[in-house]
Amino acid sequence: MERKKNKQPKLHIKRGDTVKVLSGDDKGKSGKVLSVNLEKRRAIVEGLNMVTKHVKPTAANPQGGIEKKEAAIHVSNLMLIDPKTGEATRTGRKPGENGKLVRYSKKTGEVING
């Protein structure tokens, strides 16, 4: 019997989490996760990995110009910040009270809500 493959991979971060960047130009900075792309395993973090985008003039935006916006960062370069201690921590999964898997901080052992 063949095992079913998980169609939607579980990641250690979710939208709304506060994360710290481990490598790249923004190393050491932290911010809030705005969105997560599960297929590409990338996340957009508020105010980090800013890129300039040249926008053509359109009917909605007749001026056009150069915009700054956040680009995606691979989740392997992000580490969750524990909401209680304020320090970066690795995460694990364990069964919660109702049998569903919940994330917990490996540093403190406490369950991470969200």
N, C-alpha and C. Protein backbone atom coordinates (compact mmCIF):
# COMPACT_ATOMS: atom_id res chain seq x y z
N MET A 1 0.84 -1.18 0.00
CA MET A 1 0.00 0.00 0.00
C MET A 1 0.89 1.24 0.00
N GLU A 2 0.59 2.16 -0.90
CA GLU A 2 1.41 3.36 -1.04
C GLU A 2 0.93 4.46 -0.12
N ARG A 3 1.88 5.20 0.44
CA ARG A 3 1.52 6.32 1.32
C ARG A 3 1.01 7.49 0.51
N LYS A 4 0.02 8.19 1.03
CA LYS A 4 -0.47 9.41 0.38
C LYS A 4 0.50 10.54 0.67
N LYS A 5 0.76 11.35 -0.33
CA LYS A 5 1.62 12.50 -0.13
C LYS A 5 0.78 13.68 0.30
N ASN A 6 1.32 14.45 1.23
CA ASN A 6 0.62 15.64 1.71
C ASN A 6 0.61 16.69 0.61
N LYS A 7 -0.58 17.07 0.17
CA LYS A 7 -0.68 18.04 -0.91
C LYS A 7 -0.31 19.45 -0.46
N GLN A 8 -0.54 19.73 0.80
CA GLN A 8 -0.25 21.06 1.32
C GLN A 8 0.80 20.94 2.43
N PRO A 9 2.06 21.28 2.15
CA PRO A 9 3.09 21.09 3.17
C PRO A 9 2.89 22.02 4.36
N LYS A 10 3.20 21.50 5.54
CA LYS A 10 3.12 22.32 6.75
C LYS A 10 4.43 23.07 6.92
N LEU A 11 4.33 24.35 7.21
CA LEU A 11 5.51 25.17 7.42
C LEU A 11 5.56 25.60 8.88
N HIS A 12 6.73 26.06 9.32
CA HIS A 12 6.89 26.47 10.71
C HIS A 12 6.41 27.90 10.95
N ILE A 13 6.01 28.61 9.88
CA ILE A 13 5.49 29.97 10.04
C ILE A 13 4.12 30.08 9.38
N LYS A 14 3.33 31.03 9.85
CA LYS A 14 2.01 31.30 9.31
C LYS A 14 1.86 32.80 9.11
N ARG A 15 0.81 33.19 8.42
CA ARG A 15 0.52 34.61 8.24
C ARG A 15 0.21 35.21 9.62
N GLY A 16 0.77 36.37 9.89
CA GLY A 16 0.55 37.04 11.18
C GLY A 16 1.66 36.80 12.19
N ASP A 17 2.53 35.81 11.96
CA ASP A 17 3.65 35.55 12.86
C ASP A 17 4.69 36.66 12.75
N THR A 18 5.43 36.86 13.82
CA THR A 18 6.59 37.74 13.78
C THR A 18 7.82 36.87 13.60
N VAL A 19 8.63 37.19 12.59
CA VAL A 19 9.78 36.35 12.26
C VAL A 19 11.05 37.18 12.21
N LYS A 20 12.19 36.48 12.34
CA LYS A 20 13.51 37.09 12.24
C LYS A 20 14.19 36.52 11.00
N VAL A 21 14.89 37.37 10.24
CA VAL A 21 15.57 36.94 9.03
C VAL A 21 16.96 36.43 9.42
N LEU A 22 17.29 35.21 8.94
CA LEU A 22 18.54 34.57 9.31
C LEU A 22 19.68 34.85 8.33
N SER A 23 19.35 35.12 7.07
CA SER A 23 20.40 35.36 6.09
C SER A 23 19.89 36.29 4.99
N GLY A 24 20.83 36.88 4.28
CA GLY A 24 20.49 37.81 3.21
C GLY A 24 20.79 39.25 3.60
N ASP A 25 20.34 40.18 2.76
CA ASP A 25 20.60 41.59 3.00
C ASP A 25 19.95 42.10 4.28
N ASP A 26 18.80 41.53 4.65
CA ASP A 26 18.06 41.97 5.83
C ASP A 26 18.32 41.10 7.05
N LYS A 27 19.49 40.45 7.11
CA LYS A 27 19.83 39.54 8.21
C LYS A 27 19.74 40.27 9.55
N GLY A 28 19.06 39.63 10.50
CA GLY A 28 18.93 40.19 11.84
C GLY A 28 17.68 41.02 12.05
N LYS A 29 17.04 41.45 10.98
CA LYS A 29 15.83 42.26 11.10
C LYS A 29 14.62 41.36 11.32
N SER A 30 13.56 41.94 11.87
CA SER A 30 12.35 41.15 12.09
C SER A 30 11.14 41.92 11.59
N GLY A 31 10.08 41.19 11.33
CA GLY A 31 8.85 41.79 10.83
C GLY A 31 7.71 40.80 10.86
N LYS A 32 6.52 41.27 10.49
CA LYS A 32 5.32 40.46 10.51
C LYS A 32 5.09 39.82 9.15
N VAL A 33 4.70 38.55 9.14
CA VAL A 33 4.46 37.83 7.88
C VAL A 33 3.12 38.28 7.31
N LEU A 34 3.15 38.79 6.07
CA LEU A 34 1.94 39.25 5.41
C LEU A 34 1.24 38.13 4.65
N SER A 35 2.03 37.28 3.98
CA SER A 35 1.45 36.15 3.25
C SER A 35 2.49 35.05 3.09
N VAL A 36 1.99 33.83 2.86
CA VAL A 36 2.86 32.67 2.68
C VAL A 36 2.43 31.93 1.42
N ASN A 37 3.40 31.61 0.55
CA ASN A 37 3.14 30.83 -0.65
C ASN A 37 3.62 29.41 -0.37
N LEU A 38 2.67 28.48 -0.19
CA LEU A 38 3.02 27.11 0.20
C LEU A 38 3.74 26.36 -0.91
N GLU A 39 3.33 26.57 -2.16
CA GLU A 39 3.93 25.83 -3.28
C GLU A 39 5.41 26.19 -3.44
N LYS A 40 5.74 27.47 -3.34
CA LYS A 40 7.11 27.92 -3.51
C LYS A 40 7.88 27.99 -2.19
N ARG A 41 7.20 27.77 -1.07
CA ARG A 41 7.79 27.83 0.28
C ARG A 41 8.44 29.20 0.53
N ARG A 42 7.73 30.25 0.19
CA ARG A 42 8.23 31.60 0.37
C ARG A 42 7.21 32.42 1.15
N ALA A 43 7.70 33.45 1.83
CA ALA A 43 6.82 34.32 2.62
C ALA A 43 7.18 35.77 2.34
N ILE A 44 6.17 36.64 2.42
CA ILE A 44 6.38 38.08 2.29
C ILE A 44 6.32 38.66 3.70
N VAL A 45 7.39 39.35 4.09
CA VAL A 45 7.49 39.93 5.43
C VAL A 45 7.41 41.44 5.32
N GLU A 46 6.60 42.04 6.19
CA GLU A 46 6.33 43.47 6.16
C GLU A 46 7.61 44.29 6.34
N GLY A 47 7.91 45.15 5.35
CA GLY A 47 9.03 46.07 5.43
C GLY A 47 10.40 45.47 5.17
N LEU A 48 10.48 44.19 4.80
CA LEU A 48 11.77 43.55 4.55
C LEU A 48 11.89 43.07 3.11
N ASN A 49 13.12 42.94 2.63
CA ASN A 49 13.43 42.51 1.26
C ASN A 49 12.73 43.41 0.24
N MET A 50 12.90 44.72 0.42
CA MET A 50 12.25 45.69 -0.45
C MET A 50 12.92 45.72 -1.83
N VAL A 51 12.09 45.74 -2.87
CA VAL A 51 12.57 45.84 -4.25
C VAL A 51 11.88 47.01 -4.92
N THR A 52 12.53 47.58 -5.95
CA THR A 52 11.90 48.66 -6.69
C THR A 52 11.25 48.07 -7.93
N LYS A 53 10.05 48.53 -8.21
CA LYS A 53 9.29 48.05 -9.36
C LYS A 53 8.89 49.25 -10.21
N HIS A 54 9.23 49.22 -11.48
CA HIS A 54 8.87 50.29 -12.40
C HIS A 54 7.47 50.03 -12.92
N VAL A 55 6.56 50.99 -12.69
CA VAL A 55 5.16 50.82 -13.05
C VAL A 55 4.83 51.73 -14.22
N LYS A 56 4.24 51.14 -15.28
CA LYS A 56 3.84 51.92 -16.44
C LYS A 56 2.59 52.73 -16.10
N PRO A 57 2.44 53.88 -16.72
CA PRO A 57 1.20 54.64 -16.51
C PRO A 57 -0.01 53.88 -17.07
N THR A 58 -1.09 53.86 -16.28
CA THR A 58 -2.34 53.24 -16.72
C THR A 58 -3.47 54.21 -16.46
N ALA A 59 -4.69 53.81 -16.83
CA ALA A 59 -5.85 54.66 -16.57
C ALA A 59 -6.05 54.84 -15.06
N ALA A 60 -5.82 53.79 -14.30
CA ALA A 60 -5.99 53.86 -12.85
C ALA A 60 -4.85 54.65 -12.20
N ASN A 61 -3.64 54.54 -12.76
CA ASN A 61 -2.47 55.23 -12.22
C ASN A 61 -1.80 56.00 -13.37
N PRO A 62 -2.32 57.19 -13.71
CA PRO A 62 -1.79 57.89 -14.88
C PRO A 62 -0.36 58.40 -14.72
N GLN A 63 0.12 58.52 -13.48
CA GLN A 63 1.47 59.02 -13.25
C GLN A 63 2.52 57.95 -13.51
N GLY A 64 2.23 56.69 -13.13
CA GLY A 64 3.24 55.63 -13.24
C GLY A 64 4.33 55.86 -12.21
N GLY A 65 5.56 55.46 -12.52
CA GLY A 65 6.69 55.76 -11.64
C GLY A 65 7.34 54.52 -11.07
N ILE A 66 8.10 54.73 -10.01
CA ILE A 66 8.86 53.67 -9.35
C ILE A 66 8.26 53.42 -7.97
N GLU A 67 7.87 52.16 -7.71
CA GLU A 67 7.28 51.79 -6.42
C GLU A 67 8.25 50.89 -5.67
N LYS A 68 8.23 50.98 -4.35
CA LYS A 68 8.99 50.04 -3.51
C LYS A 68 7.98 49.08 -2.92
N LYS A 69 8.28 47.77 -2.99
CA LYS A 69 7.39 46.77 -2.41
C LYS A 69 8.20 45.61 -1.88
N GLU A 70 7.57 44.81 -1.02
CA GLU A 70 8.24 43.66 -0.42
C GLU A 70 8.29 42.51 -1.41
N ALA A 71 9.42 41.81 -1.43
CA ALA A 71 9.56 40.60 -2.23
C ALA A 71 9.58 39.40 -1.29
N ALA A 72 9.34 38.23 -1.85
CA ALA A 72 9.26 37.01 -1.05
C ALA A 72 10.64 36.56 -0.57
N ILE A 73 10.65 35.94 0.62
CA ILE A 73 11.86 35.37 1.22
C ILE A 73 11.59 33.89 1.45
N HIS A 74 12.56 33.04 1.18
CA HIS A 74 12.37 31.61 1.40
C HIS A 74 12.22 31.35 2.90
N VAL A 75 11.29 30.44 3.26
CA VAL A 75 10.99 30.21 4.68
C VAL A 75 12.17 29.61 5.45
N SER A 76 13.14 29.00 4.74
CA SER A 76 14.31 28.46 5.45
C SER A 76 15.18 29.59 5.99
N ASN A 77 15.00 30.80 5.49
CA ASN A 77 15.77 31.95 5.98
C ASN A 77 15.02 32.73 7.05
N LEU A 78 13.90 32.20 7.52
CA LEU A 78 13.09 32.88 8.54
C LEU A 78 13.00 32.00 9.78
N MET A 79 13.00 32.67 10.95
CA MET A 79 12.84 31.95 12.21
C MET A 79 11.78 32.66 13.04
N LEU A 80 10.88 31.88 13.59
CA LEU A 80 9.78 32.42 14.37
C LEU A 80 10.28 33.06 15.66
N ILE A 81 9.70 34.21 16.01
CA ILE A 81 10.01 34.86 17.28
C ILE A 81 8.91 34.49 18.27
N ASP A 82 9.32 33.92 19.40
CA ASP A 82 8.37 33.49 20.43
C ASP A 82 7.65 34.72 20.98
N PRO A 83 6.31 34.74 20.94
CA PRO A 83 5.58 35.93 21.41
C PRO A 83 5.77 36.22 22.90
N LYS A 84 6.06 35.19 23.70
CA LYS A 84 6.19 35.40 25.15
C LYS A 84 7.57 35.93 25.54
N THR A 85 8.64 35.36 24.95
CA THR A 85 9.99 35.76 25.33
C THR A 85 10.57 36.83 24.42
N GLY A 86 10.09 36.90 23.19
CA GLY A 86 10.62 37.88 22.25
C GLY A 86 11.91 37.44 21.59
N GLU A 87 12.29 36.18 21.74
CA GLU A 87 13.52 35.65 21.14
C GLU A 87 13.17 34.68 20.02
N ALA A 88 14.09 34.53 19.06
CA ALA A 88 13.89 33.57 17.98
C ALA A 88 13.96 32.16 18.53
N THR A 89 13.10 31.29 18.03
CA THR A 89 13.04 29.92 18.53
C THR A 89 12.70 28.96 17.41
N ARG A 90 13.17 27.72 17.53
CA ARG A 90 12.74 26.67 16.63
C ARG A 90 11.37 26.21 17.08
N THR A 91 10.62 25.61 16.16
CA THR A 91 9.28 25.16 16.50
C THR A 91 9.15 23.67 16.27
N GLY A 92 8.21 23.08 16.99
CA GLY A 92 7.87 21.68 16.82
C GLY A 92 6.37 21.54 16.76
N ARG A 93 5.90 20.32 16.52
CA ARG A 93 4.47 20.06 16.49
C ARG A 93 4.17 18.90 17.44
N LYS A 94 3.08 19.06 18.19
CA LYS A 94 2.64 17.98 19.07
C LYS A 94 1.13 18.02 19.15
N PRO A 95 0.49 16.91 19.52
CA PRO A 95 -0.97 16.91 19.60
C PRO A 95 -1.45 17.83 20.73
N GLY A 96 -2.46 18.62 20.42
CA GLY A 96 -3.02 19.54 21.41
C GLY A 96 -4.12 18.89 22.22
N GLU A 97 -4.93 19.72 22.88
CA GLU A 97 -5.99 19.23 23.75
C GLU A 97 -7.06 18.47 22.97
N ASN A 98 -7.41 18.96 21.77
CA ASN A 98 -8.49 18.34 21.00
C ASN A 98 -7.95 17.35 19.95
N GLY A 99 -6.68 16.98 20.03
CA GLY A 99 -6.12 16.01 19.09
C GLY A 99 -5.48 16.62 17.86
N LYS A 100 -5.73 17.90 17.59
CA LYS A 100 -5.10 18.56 16.45
C LYS A 100 -3.65 18.90 16.78
N LEU A 101 -2.82 18.94 15.75
CA LEU A 101 -1.42 19.31 15.98
C LEU A 101 -1.31 20.80 16.26
N VAL A 102 -0.52 21.16 17.24
CA VAL A 102 -0.28 22.56 17.58
C VAL A 102 1.22 22.81 17.55
N ARG A 103 1.59 24.04 17.24
CA ARG A 103 3.01 24.41 17.24
C ARG A 103 3.44 24.76 18.66
N TYR A 104 4.69 24.42 18.98
CA TYR A 104 5.21 24.81 20.29
C TYR A 104 6.65 25.28 20.13
N SER A 105 7.08 26.12 21.05
CA SER A 105 8.43 26.65 21.05
C SER A 105 9.37 25.62 21.64
N LYS A 106 10.45 25.31 20.91
CA LYS A 106 11.41 24.34 21.42
C LYS A 106 12.25 24.94 22.56
N LYS A 107 12.32 26.28 22.60
CA LYS A 107 13.11 26.94 23.63
C LYS A 107 12.41 26.91 24.97
N THR A 108 11.10 27.23 24.98
CA THR A 108 10.35 27.29 26.24
C THR A 108 9.40 26.11 26.43
N GLY A 109 9.03 25.43 25.34
CA GLY A 109 8.10 24.31 25.44
C GLY A 109 6.64 24.72 25.46
N GLU A 110 6.37 26.02 25.35
CA GLU A 110 4.99 26.51 25.41
C GLU A 110 4.35 26.50 24.03
N VAL A 111 3.03 26.32 24.01
CA VAL A 111 2.28 26.29 22.75
C VAL A 111 2.19 27.68 22.16
N ILE A 112 2.38 27.78 20.85
CA ILE A 112 2.30 29.06 20.14
C ILE A 112 0.93 29.16 19.51
N ASN A 113 0.16 30.17 19.90
CA ASN A 113 -1.16 30.38 19.32
C ASN A 113 -1.05 31.10 18.00
N GLY A 114 -2.02 30.83 17.11
CA GLY A 114 -2.02 31.55 15.84
C GLY A 114 -2.02 30.71 14.65
